[in-house]
Amino acid sequence: MIVDYVAEISRLKRELNAVILAHYYQDSEIQDLADFVGDSLELSRQAAATQADVIVFCGVVFMAETAKILNPGKLVLLPDMNAGCSLADGCPAEQFRAVRERYPDHVAVSYINCSAGVKALSDIICTSGNAEKIIRQIPEDKPILFAPDRHLGAFLEKKTGRKMRLWQGTCSVHDMFSERAVVQLKVRHPEALVIAHPECDEAVLRHADFVGSTKALLNFASGSEAREFIVVTESGILHQMQKACPEKVFHAAPANDNCACNLCPHMRLNTMEKLYECMTTRGPEIRIDEELRQAALKPMQRMLEMS
């Protein structure tokens, strides 16, 4: 039987009083169906404010966990529980706890791309969209432990002048972007501006005309008078860029000439079929121990207050 996924998902959404949240890195058909599309900060705010009974999160596990941390009484669904994150996987809570115990005087600022366990051990959570603002609010006499993305941490050190102790994690997608490939694209498209996500290596970022969060990249492209852009982040954002600016040209930066590494394999595990199935079966469901949730909620609330 052929299923009209758009019609069926819309019907289930009404029946469940559900909201569908999708990250910019999801497939375009999921983005077009979602009630709200955004980056981690925007999605956190939407999750905190929603009046829906069910939150269906088209993203990765840490994002759905964040929604559950903020909404303990709601059913939170994720189409594929295998949709993980290299940053979260590279910073196990047990190892992070050991580092925190080694540096008890440090303020622990953790990028939202981490597990609920790491959030619970942190003082403040941040996103790429609010990290600089949050770092600047921490008193100068307070040393900072920043986890888990070393590239974002190094970018923040350069922007704020604050030396931080950096966890040595990376995003498997952004870490693969090649300086050589970006330079080659610049040669082929000399009029294009380079816009890049701060999870990229500094060697890539130094070629960028603008560095910012996924949402900031979209806003920059929309507001710029330039007509052509080289986009150095997961290529899912190009769908929103082209919808917002159909008259402009966007080139997705590859990791190298023959690699499709600008697609996050974790994000792309979510499909229309899985979205339909999870809403039909009410699972997989995100569950978090209440004590852990309470501990993780505090730094999340501090982030929302500070940003």
C-alpha atoms as a PDB file:
ATOM      1  CA  MET A   1       0.000   0.000   0.000  1.00  0.00           C
ATOM      2  CA  ILE A   2       1.287   3.441  -0.938  1.00  0.00           C
ATOM      3  CA  VAL A   3       1.154   5.829   2.008  1.00  0.00           C
ATOM      4  CA  ASP A   4       0.633   9.558   1.523  1.00  0.00           C
ATOM      5  CA  TYR A   5       3.085  10.495   4.260  1.00  0.00           C
ATOM      6  CA  VAL A   6       2.332  14.210   4.193  1.00  0.00           C
ATOM      7  CA  ALA A   7      -1.402  13.644   4.630  1.00  0.00           C
ATOM      8  CA  GLU A   8      -1.016  10.883   7.218  1.00  0.00           C
ATOM      9  CA  ILE A   9       1.555  12.758   9.314  1.00  0.00           C
ATOM     10  CA  SER A  10      -0.654  15.850   9.245  1.00  0.00           C
ATOM     11  CA  ARG A  11      -3.598  13.730  10.425  1.00  0.00           C
ATOM     12  CA  LEU A  12      -1.558  12.158  13.236  1.00  0.00           C
ATOM     13  CA  LYS A  13      -0.301  15.569  14.289  1.00  0.00           C
ATOM     14  CA  ARG A  14      -3.883  16.747  14.794  1.00  0.00           C
ATOM     15  CA  GLU A  15      -4.901  13.557  16.622  1.00  0.00           C
ATOM     16  CA  LEU A  16      -1.916  13.700  18.984  1.00  0.00           C
ATOM     17  CA  ASN A  17      -1.895  17.481  19.406  1.00  0.00           C
ATOM     18  CA  ALA A  18       1.730  17.191  18.339  1.00  0.00           C
ATOM     19  CA  VAL A  19       4.344  19.669  17.193  1.00  0.00           C
ATOM     20  CA  ILE A  20       7.064  18.623  14.768  1.00  0.00           C
ATOM     21  CA  LEU A  21      10.428  20.297  15.305  1.00  0.00           C
ATOM     22  CA  ALA A  22      13.131  19.837  12.678  1.00  0.00           C
ATOM     23  CA  HIS A  23      16.761  20.878  12.495  1.00  0.00           C
ATOM     24  CA  TYR A  24      18.121  22.634   9.425  1.00  0.00           C
ATOM     25  CA  TYR A  25      20.163  19.514   8.659  1.00  0.00           C
ATOM     26  CA  GLN A  26      17.134  17.287   8.063  1.00  0.00           C
ATOM     27  CA  ASP A  27      16.034  16.219   4.586  1.00  0.00           C
ATOM     28  CA  SER A  28      14.172  18.982   2.764  1.00  0.00           C
ATOM     29  CA  GLU A  29      10.847  17.081   2.729  1.00  0.00           C
ATOM     30  CA  ILE A  30      10.934  16.858   6.535  1.00  0.00           C
ATOM     31  CA  GLN A  31      11.829  20.543   6.817  1.00  0.00           C
ATOM     32  CA  ASP A  32       8.861  21.456   4.640  1.00  0.00           C
ATOM     33  CA  LEU A  33       6.486  19.382   6.769  1.00  0.00           C
ATOM     34  CA  ALA A  34       7.726  20.567  10.177  1.00  0.00           C
ATOM     35  CA  ASP A  35       5.921  23.162  12.278  1.00  0.00           C
ATOM     36  CA  PHE A  36       9.232  24.791  13.089  1.00  0.00           C
ATOM     37  CA  VAL A  37      12.687  24.518  11.535  1.00  0.00           C
ATOM     38  CA  GLY A  38      15.691  25.932  13.342  1.00  0.00           C
ATOM     39  CA  ASP A  39      19.105  25.512  14.884  1.00  0.00           C
ATOM     40  CA  SER A  40      19.785  24.188  18.382  1.00  0.00           C
ATOM     41  CA  LEU A  41      19.050  27.475  20.170  1.00  0.00           C
ATOM     42  CA  GLU A  42      15.817  28.140  18.311  1.00  0.00           C
ATOM     43  CA  LEU A  43      14.647  24.567  18.769  1.00  0.00           C
ATOM     44  CA  SER A  44      15.405  24.731  22.503  1.00  0.00           C
ATOM     45  CA  ARG A  45      13.273  27.858  22.788  1.00  0.00           C
ATOM     46  CA  GLN A  46      10.452  26.266  20.811  1.00  0.00           C
ATOM     47  CA  ALA A  47      10.601  23.135  22.961  1.00  0.00           C
ATOM     48  CA  ALA A  48      10.453  25.240  26.116  1.00  0.00           C
ATOM     49  CA  ALA A  49       7.468  27.253  24.895  1.00  0.00           C
ATOM     50  CA  THR A  50       5.286  24.658  23.151  1.00  0.00           C
ATOM     51  CA  GLN A  51       1.751  23.951  24.313  1.00  0.00           C
ATOM     52  CA  ALA A  52       1.576  20.686  22.369  1.00  0.00           C
ATOM     53  CA  ASP A  53       1.068  17.385  24.176  1.00  0.00           C
ATOM     54  CA  VAL A  54       3.575  15.555  21.973  1.00  0.00           C
ATOM     55  CA  ILE A  55       6.918  16.776  20.652  1.00  0.00           C
ATOM     56  CA  VAL A  56       8.209  14.944  17.598  1.00  0.00           C
ATOM     57  CA  PHE A  57      11.850  15.867  17.186  1.00  0.00           C
ATOM     58  CA  CYS A  58      13.414  15.417  13.780  1.00  0.00           C
ATOM     59  CA  GLY A  59      17.036  15.781  14.740  1.00  0.00           C
ATOM     60  CA  VAL A  60      19.448  13.739  16.815  1.00  0.00           C
ATOM     61  CA  VAL A  61      19.265  12.187  20.272  1.00  0.00           C
ATOM     62  CA  PHE A  62      20.761  15.063  22.268  1.00  0.00           C
ATOM     63  CA  MET A  63      18.210  17.459  20.751  1.00  0.00           C
ATOM     64  CA  ALA A  64      15.276  15.231  21.680  1.00  0.00           C
ATOM     65  CA  GLU A  65      16.769  14.809  25.167  1.00  0.00           C
ATOM     66  CA  THR A  66      16.896  18.594  25.467  1.00  0.00           C
ATOM     67  CA  ALA A  67      13.198  18.772  24.625  1.00  0.00           C
ATOM     68  CA  LYS A  68      12.441  16.159  27.310  1.00  0.00           C
ATOM     69  CA  ILE A  69      14.590  17.982  29.879  1.00  0.00           C
ATOM     70  CA  LEU A  70      12.486  21.089  29.277  1.00  0.00           C
ATOM     71  CA  ASN A  71       9.159  19.206  29.055  1.00  0.00           C
ATOM     72  CA  PRO A  72       9.072  16.285  31.513  1.00  0.00           C
ATOM     73  CA  GLY A  73       5.318  15.871  31.251  1.00  0.00           C
ATOM     74  CA  LYS A  74       5.176  15.630  27.469  1.00  0.00           C
ATOM     75  CA  LEU A  75       5.673  12.662  25.183  1.00  0.00           C
ATOM     76  CA  VAL A  76       8.876  13.279  23.204  1.00  0.00           C
ATOM     77  CA  LEU A  77       9.436  11.120  20.128  1.00  0.00           C
ATOM     78  CA  LEU A  78      12.486  10.677  17.882  1.00  0.00           C
ATOM     79  CA  PRO A  79      12.022   8.874  14.565  1.00  0.00           C
ATOM     80  CA  ASP A  80      15.332   6.981  14.842  1.00  0.00           C
ATOM     81  CA  MET A  81      17.124   6.412  18.152  1.00  0.00           C
ATOM     82  CA  ASN A  82      20.335   5.677  16.236  1.00  0.00           C
ATOM     83  CA  ALA A  83      20.534   9.338  15.221  1.00  0.00           C
ATOM     84  CA  GLY A  84      23.495  10.174  17.408  1.00  0.00           C
ATOM     85  CA  CYS A  85      26.220  12.819  17.333  1.00  0.00           C
ATOM     86  CA  SER A  86      29.998  12.483  17.178  1.00  0.00           C
ATOM     87  CA  LEU A  87      30.412  15.375  19.613  1.00  0.00           C
ATOM     88  CA  ALA A  88      28.118  13.792  22.198  1.00  0.00           C
ATOM     89  CA  ASP A  89      29.660  10.355  21.669  1.00  0.00           C
ATOM     90  CA  GLY A  90      33.159  11.774  22.071  1.00  0.00           C
ATOM     91  CA  CYS A  91      32.420  13.211  25.510  1.00  0.00           C
ATOM     92  CA  PRO A  92      31.159  10.412  27.795  1.00  0.00           C
ATOM     93  CA  ALA A  93      29.689  11.643  31.075  1.00  0.00           C
ATOM     94  CA  GLU A  94      32.077   9.505  33.158  1.00  0.00           C
ATOM     95  CA  GLN A  95      35.127  11.035  31.489  1.00  0.00           C
ATOM     96  CA  PHE A  96      33.693  14.529  31.734  1.00  0.00           C
ATOM     97  CA  ARG A  97      33.042  13.992  35.451  1.00  0.00           C
ATOM     98  CA  ALA A  98      36.698  13.046  35.960  1.00  0.00           C
ATOM     99  CA  VAL A  99      37.857  16.256  34.258  1.00  0.00           C
ATOM    100  CA  ARG A 100      35.437  18.343  36.297  1.00  0.00           C
ATOM    101  CA  GLU A 101      36.810  16.803  39.487  1.00  0.00           C
ATOM    102  CA  ARG A 102      40.330  17.618  38.338  1.00  0.00           C
ATOM    103  CA  TYR A 103      39.421  21.293  37.786  1.00  0.00           C
ATOM    104  CA  PRO A 104      36.739  22.048  40.390  1.00  0.00           C
ATOM    105  CA  ASP A 105      37.338  25.818  40.224  1.00  0.00           C
ATOM    106  CA  HIS A 106      36.456  26.003  36.519  1.00  0.00           C
ATOM    107  CA  VAL A 107      33.069  27.110  35.194  1.00  0.00           C
ATOM    108  CA  ALA A 108      31.937  24.266  32.949  1.00  0.00           C
ATOM    109  CA  VAL A 109      30.347  25.601  29.769  1.00  0.00           C
ATOM    110  CA  SER A 110      29.094  22.768  27.595  1.00  0.00           C
ATOM    111  CA  TYR A 111      27.994  23.048  23.999  1.00  0.00           C
ATOM    112  CA  ILE A 112      24.439  21.766  23.641  1.00  0.00           C
ATOM    113  CA  ASN A 113      25.774  18.952  21.426  1.00  0.00           C
ATOM    114  CA  CYS A 114      26.290  16.695  24.435  1.00  0.00           C
ATOM    115  CA  SER A 115      24.388  14.042  26.374  1.00  0.00           C
ATOM    116  CA  ALA A 116      21.970  14.689  29.217  1.00  0.00           C
ATOM    117  CA  GLY A 117      24.623  13.235  31.518  1.00  0.00           C
ATOM    118  CA  VAL A 118      27.179  15.859  30.478  1.00  0.00           C
ATOM    119  CA  LYS A 119      24.589  18.624  30.715  1.00  0.00           C
ATOM    120  CA  ALA A 120      23.864  17.534  34.292  1.00  0.00           C
ATOM    121  CA  LEU A 121      27.562  17.979  35.146  1.00  0.00           C
ATOM    122  CA  SER A 122      27.771  21.442  33.539  1.00  0.00           C
ATOM    123  CA  ASP A 123      27.256  24.930  34.925  1.00  0.00           C
ATOM    124  CA  ILE A 124      25.966  26.506  31.707  1.00  0.00           C
ATOM    125  CA  ILE A 125      24.889  25.136  28.338  1.00  0.00           C
ATOM    126  CA  CYS A 126      25.483  27.117  25.149  1.00  0.00           C
ATOM    127  CA  THR A 127      24.822  26.843  21.439  1.00  0.00           C
ATOM    128  CA  SER A 128      26.890  28.154  18.562  1.00  0.00           C
ATOM    129  CA  GLY A 129      24.363  30.985  18.366  1.00  0.00           C
ATOM    130  CA  ASN A 130      24.774  32.248  21.940  1.00  0.00           C
ATOM    131  CA  ALA A 131      28.186  30.901  23.014  1.00  0.00           C
ATOM    132  CA  GLU A 132      30.088  34.160  22.585  1.00  0.00           C
ATOM    133  CA  LYS A 133      27.451  36.110  24.516  1.00  0.00           C
ATOM    134  CA  ILE A 134      27.559  33.586  27.354  1.00  0.00           C
ATOM    135  CA  ILE A 135      31.366  33.437  27.550  1.00  0.00           C
ATOM    136  CA  ARG A 136      31.535  37.239  27.750  1.00  0.00           C
ATOM    137  CA  GLN A 137      29.202  37.186  30.785  1.00  0.00           C
ATOM    138  CA  ILE A 138      31.483  34.937  32.840  1.00  0.00           C
ATOM    139  CA  PRO A 139      33.725  36.983  35.185  1.00  0.00           C
ATOM    140  CA  GLU A 140      37.331  37.309  34.017  1.00  0.00           C
ATOM    141  CA  ASP A 141      38.668  35.748  37.219  1.00  0.00           C
ATOM    142  CA  LYS A 142      36.730  32.515  36.623  1.00  0.00           C
ATOM    143  CA  PRO A 143      38.599  29.875  34.581  1.00  0.00           C
ATOM    144  CA  ILE A 144      36.459  28.098  31.994  1.00  0.00           C
ATOM    145  CA  LEU A 145      36.238  24.461  30.960  1.00  0.00           C
ATOM    146  CA  PHE A 146      34.638  24.280  27.513  1.00  0.00           C
ATOM    147  CA  ALA A 147      33.328  21.023  26.057  1.00  0.00           C
ATOM    148  CA  PRO A 148      33.032  19.142  23.805  1.00  0.00           C
ATOM    149  CA  ASP A 149      33.922  20.961  20.533  1.00  0.00           C
ATOM    150  CA  ARG A 150      37.532  22.145  20.350  1.00  0.00           C
ATOM    151  CA  HIS A 151      36.999  24.065  17.104  1.00  0.00           C
ATOM    152  CA  LEU A 152      34.105  26.089  18.510  1.00  0.00           C
ATOM    153  CA  GLY A 153      36.141  26.576  21.693  1.00  0.00           C
ATOM    154  CA  ALA A 154      39.154  27.859  19.754  1.00  0.00           C
ATOM    155  CA  PHE A 155      36.915  30.193  17.753  1.00  0.00           C
ATOM    156  CA  LEU A 156      35.464  31.573  21.000  1.00  0.00           C
ATOM    157  CA  GLU A 157      38.926  32.066  22.482  1.00  0.00           C
ATOM    158  CA  LYS A 158      39.854  34.140  19.454  1.00  0.00           C
ATOM    159  CA  LYS A 159      36.612  36.137  19.540  1.00  0.00           C
ATOM    160  CA  THR A 160      36.530  36.844  23.268  1.00  0.00           C
ATOM    161  CA  GLY A 161      40.197  36.773  24.253  1.00  0.00           C
ATOM    162  CA  ARG A 162      39.369  34.262  26.997  1.00  0.00           C
ATOM    163  CA  LYS A 163      41.765  31.343  27.280  1.00  0.00           C
ATOM    164  CA  MET A 164      39.783  28.198  28.090  1.00  0.00           C
ATOM    165  CA  ARG A 165      40.517  24.575  28.849  1.00  0.00           C
ATOM    166  CA  LEU A 166      39.114  22.779  25.803  1.00  0.00           C
ATOM    167  CA  TRP A 167      37.742  19.279  25.501  1.00  0.00           C
ATOM    168  CA  GLN A 168      39.210  17.802  22.303  1.00  0.00           C
ATOM    169  CA  GLY A 169      36.013  16.731  20.552  1.00  0.00           C
ATOM    170  CA  THR A 170      34.956  17.540  16.988  1.00  0.00           C
ATOM    171  CA  CYS A 171      31.919  17.244  14.738  1.00  0.00           C
ATOM    172  CA  SER A 172      32.591  14.462  12.235  1.00  0.00           C
ATOM    173  CA  VAL A 173      30.979  16.522   9.457  1.00  0.00           C
ATOM    174  CA  HIS A 174      32.499  19.948  10.092  1.00  0.00           C
ATOM    175  CA  ASP A 175      35.910  18.469  10.882  1.00  0.00           C
ATOM    176  CA  MET A 176      36.021  16.955   7.392  1.00  0.00           C
ATOM    177  CA  PHE A 177      35.733  20.227   5.511  1.00  0.00           C
ATOM    178  CA  SER A 178      38.886  20.751   3.511  1.00  0.00           C
ATOM    179  CA  GLU A 179      40.771  24.042   3.310  1.00  0.00           C
ATOM    180  CA  ARG A 180      41.968  22.967  -0.121  1.00  0.00           C
ATOM    181  CA  ALA A 181      38.396  22.366  -1.339  1.00  0.00           C
ATOM    182  CA  VAL A 182      37.254  25.762  -0.032  1.00  0.00           C
ATOM    183  CA  VAL A 183      40.154  27.509  -1.773  1.00  0.00           C
ATOM    184  CA  GLN A 184      39.369  25.656  -5.008  1.00  0.00           C
ATOM    185  CA  LEU A 185      35.755  26.778  -4.794  1.00  0.00           C
ATOM    186  CA  LYS A 186      36.873  30.366  -4.199  1.00  0.00           C
ATOM    187  CA  VAL A 187      39.031  30.185  -7.336  1.00  0.00           C
ATOM    188  CA  ARG A 188      36.108  28.830  -9.365  1.00  0.00           C
ATOM    189  CA  HIS A 189      33.638  31.334  -7.886  1.00  0.00           C
ATOM    190  CA  PRO A 190      35.646  34.510  -7.157  1.00  0.00           C
ATOM    191  CA  GLU A 191      32.539  36.627  -6.542  1.00  0.00           C
ATOM    192  CA  ALA A 192      31.135  34.270  -3.888  1.00  0.00           C
ATOM    193  CA  LEU A 193      31.320  35.029  -0.171  1.00  0.00           C
ATOM    194  CA  VAL A 194      32.435  32.191   2.082  1.00  0.00           C
ATOM    195  CA  ILE A 195      30.180  31.619   5.095  1.00  0.00           C
ATOM    196  CA  ALA A 196      31.128  28.941   7.626  1.00  0.00           C
ATOM    197  CA  HIS A 197      30.044  27.317  10.875  1.00  0.00           C
ATOM    198  CA  PRO A 198      32.432  27.709  13.858  1.00  0.00           C
ATOM    199  CA  GLU A 199      32.606  23.922  14.293  1.00  0.00           C
ATOM    200  CA  CYS A 200      35.025  23.988  11.323  1.00  0.00           C
ATOM    201  CA  ASP A 201      38.786  23.933  11.746  1.00  0.00           C
ATOM    202  CA  GLU A 202      40.568  27.292  11.985  1.00  0.00           C
ATOM    203  CA  ALA A 203      42.338  26.567   8.673  1.00  0.00           C
ATOM    204  CA  VAL A 204      38.914  26.641   7.006  1.00  0.00           C
ATOM    205  CA  LEU A 205      37.512  29.523   9.049  1.00  0.00           C
ATOM    206  CA  ARG A 206      40.316  31.898   8.078  1.00  0.00           C
ATOM    207  CA  HIS A 207      38.965  31.872   4.514  1.00  0.00           C
ATOM    208  CA  ALA A 208      35.456  32.812   5.643  1.00  0.00           C
ATOM    209  CA  ASP A 209      33.871  36.213   5.107  1.00  0.00           C
ATOM    210  CA  PHE A 210      31.394  35.387   7.862  1.00  0.00           C
ATOM    211  CA  VAL A 211      31.373  32.787  10.650  1.00  0.00           C
ATOM    212  CA  GLY A 212      28.235  31.995  12.605  1.00  0.00           C
ATOM    213  CA  SER A 213      25.626  29.516  13.766  1.00  0.00           C
ATOM    214  CA  THR A 214      23.400  27.822  11.229  1.00  0.00           C
ATOM    215  CA  LYS A 215      20.685  30.428  11.791  1.00  0.00           C
ATOM    216  CA  ALA A 216      23.245  33.249  11.584  1.00  0.00           C
ATOM    217  CA  LEU A 217      24.494  31.897   8.247  1.00  0.00           C
ATOM    218  CA  LEU A 218      20.935  31.899   6.928  1.00  0.00           C
ATOM    219  CA  ASN A 219      20.334  35.442   8.166  1.00  0.00           C
ATOM    220  CA  PHE A 220      23.631  36.671   6.708  1.00  0.00           C
ATOM    221  CA  ALA A 221      22.899  35.173   3.312  1.00  0.00           C
ATOM    222  CA  SER A 222      19.387  36.640   3.338  1.00  0.00           C
ATOM    223  CA  GLY A 223      20.552  40.119   4.335  1.00  0.00           C
ATOM    224  CA  SER A 224      23.702  40.341   2.234  1.00  0.00           C
ATOM    225  CA  GLU A 225      23.803  42.168  -1.077  1.00  0.00           C
ATOM    226  CA  ALA A 226      26.048  39.409  -2.417  1.00  0.00           C
ATOM    227  CA  ARG A 227      24.468  37.096  -4.976  1.00  0.00           C
ATOM    228  CA  GLU A 228      26.677  34.047  -4.524  1.00  0.00           C
ATOM    229  CA  PHE A 229      27.873  32.090  -1.490  1.00  0.00           C
ATOM    230  CA  ILE A 230      30.106  29.161  -0.613  1.00  0.00           C
ATOM    231  CA  VAL A 231      28.433  27.489   2.373  1.00  0.00           C
ATOM    232  CA  VAL A 232      30.706  25.566   4.734  1.00  0.00           C
ATOM    233  CA  THR A 233      28.347  23.582   6.938  1.00  0.00           C
ATOM    234  CA  GLU A 234      25.985  20.616   6.607  1.00  0.00           C
ATOM    235  CA  SER A 235      24.294  21.085   3.262  1.00  0.00           C
ATOM    236  CA  GLY A 236      20.745  20.715   4.613  1.00  0.00           C
ATOM    237  CA  ILE A 237      20.730  24.456   5.327  1.00  0.00           C
ATOM    238  CA  LEU A 238      20.889  25.187   1.595  1.00  0.00           C
ATOM    239  CA  HIS A 239      17.211  24.239   1.314  1.00  0.00           C
ATOM    240  CA  GLN A 240      16.200  27.094   3.615  1.00  0.00           C
ATOM    241  CA  MET A 241      18.695  29.483   2.002  1.00  0.00           C
ATOM    242  CA  GLN A 242      17.302  28.824  -1.454  1.00  0.00           C
ATOM    243  CA  LYS A 243      13.714  29.174  -0.198  1.00  0.00           C
ATOM    244  CA  ALA A 244      14.582  32.520   1.420  1.00  0.00           C
ATOM    245  CA  CYS A 245      16.695  33.768  -1.503  1.00  0.00           C
ATOM    246  CA  PRO A 246      15.669  32.037  -4.744  1.00  0.00           C
ATOM    247  CA  GLU A 247      17.565  34.609  -6.784  1.00  0.00           C
ATOM    248  CA  LYS A 248      20.908  33.784  -5.135  1.00  0.00           C
ATOM    249  CA  VAL A 249      23.374  30.972  -5.812  1.00  0.00           C
ATOM    250  CA  PHE A 250      24.671  28.699  -3.033  1.00  0.00           C
ATOM    251  CA  HIS A 251      27.592  26.299  -3.383  1.00  0.00           C
ATOM    252  CA  ALA A 252      27.893  23.528  -0.783  1.00  0.00           C
ATOM    253  CA  ALA A 253      31.503  23.131   0.263  1.00  0.00           C
ATOM    254  CA  PRO A 254      32.712  19.519   0.031  1.00  0.00           C
ATOM    255  CA  ALA A 255      35.309  17.861   2.236  1.00  0.00           C
ATOM    256  CA  ASN A 256      37.202  17.016  -0.930  1.00  0.00           C
ATOM    257  CA  ASP A 257      36.464  16.661  -4.629  1.00  0.00           C
ATOM    258  CA  ASN A 258      34.863  13.218  -4.349  1.00  0.00           C
ATOM    259  CA  CYS A 259      33.235  13.227  -0.910  1.00  0.00           C
ATOM    260  CA  ALA A 260      29.629  13.706   0.201  1.00  0.00           C
ATOM    261  CA  CYS A 261      30.830  14.285   3.754  1.00  0.00           C
ATOM    262  CA  ASN A 262      28.850  17.527   4.011  1.00  0.00           C
ATOM    263  CA  LEU A 263      25.792  15.364   4.812  1.00  0.00           C
ATOM    264  CA  CYS A 264      25.425  14.343   8.462  1.00  0.00           C
ATOM    265  CA  PRO A 265      24.764  10.579   8.453  1.00  0.00           C
ATOM    266  CA  HIS A 266      23.077  10.800  11.863  1.00  0.00           C
ATOM    267  CA  MET A 267      20.661  13.581  10.898  1.00  0.00           C
ATOM    268  CA  ARG A 268      19.764  11.766   7.692  1.00  0.00           C
ATOM    269  CA  LEU A 269      18.642   8.630   9.537  1.00  0.00           C
ATOM    270  CA  ASN A 270      15.296  10.332  10.065  1.00  0.00           C
ATOM    271  CA  THR A 271      12.987   9.784   7.079  1.00  0.00           C
ATOM    272  CA  MET A 272       9.361  10.486   6.257  1.00  0.00           C
ATOM    273  CA  GLU A 273       8.569   6.793   6.712  1.00  0.00           C
ATOM    274  CA  LYS A 274      10.196   6.695  10.162  1.00  0.00           C
ATOM    275  CA  LEU A 275       8.467   9.942  11.127  1.00  0.00           C
ATOM    276  CA  TYR A 276       5.113   8.401  10.185  1.00  0.00           C
ATOM    277  CA  GLU A 277       5.883   5.166  12.038  1.00  0.00           C
ATOM    278  CA  CYS A 278       7.014   6.883  15.236  1.00  0.00           C
ATOM    279  CA  MET A 279       3.847   8.987  15.344  1.00  0.00           C
ATOM    280  CA  THR A 280       1.716   5.904  14.649  1.00  0.00           C
ATOM    281  CA  THR A 281       3.340   3.739  17.340  1.00  0.00           C
ATOM    282  CA  ARG A 282       4.173   6.592  19.777  1.00  0.00           C
ATOM    283  CA  GLY A 283       7.783   5.481  19.818  1.00  0.00           C
ATOM    284  CA  PRO A 284      10.737   5.525  20.115  1.00  0.00           C
ATOM    285  CA  GLU A 285      10.109   7.664  23.190  1.00  0.00           C
ATOM    286  CA  ILE A 286      12.764   9.721  24.963  1.00  0.00           C
ATOM    287  CA  ARG A 287      12.934   8.855  28.659  1.00  0.00           C
ATOM    288  CA  ILE A 288      15.236  10.511  31.209  1.00  0.00           C
ATOM    289  CA  ASP A 289      15.630   9.670  34.879  1.00  0.00           C
ATOM    290  CA  GLU A 290      14.041  12.486  36.903  1.00  0.00           C
ATOM    291  CA  GLU A 291      17.092  13.161  39.075  1.00  0.00           C
ATOM    292  CA  LEU A 292      19.267  13.401  35.979  1.00  0.00           C
ATOM    293  CA  ARG A 293      16.692  15.584  34.253  1.00  0.00           C
ATOM    294  CA  GLN A 294      16.556  18.022  37.161  1.00  0.00           C
ATOM    295  CA  ALA A 295      20.346  18.305  37.200  1.00  0.00           C
ATOM    296  CA  ALA A 296      20.488  18.859  33.433  1.00  0.00           C
ATOM    297  CA  LEU A 297      17.661  21.401  33.555  1.00  0.00           C
ATOM    298  CA  LYS A 298      19.602  23.910  35.690  1.00  0.00           C
ATOM    299  CA  PRO A 299      22.352  24.717  33.159  1.00  0.00           C
ATOM    300  CA  MET A 300      19.763  24.712  30.367  1.00  0.00           C
ATOM    301  CA  GLN A 301      17.674  27.285  32.208  1.00  0.00           C
ATOM    302  CA  ARG A 302      20.778  29.356  32.838  1.00  0.00           C
ATOM    303  CA  MET A 303      21.513  29.328  29.120  1.00  0.00           C
ATOM    304  CA  LEU A 304      18.011  30.519  28.261  1.00  0.00           C
ATOM    305  CA  GLU A 305      18.290  33.277  30.878  1.00  0.00           C
ATOM    306  CA  MET A 306      21.716  34.433  29.666  1.00  0.00           C
ATOM    307  CA  SER A 307      20.836  34.361  25.969  1.00  0.00           C
END
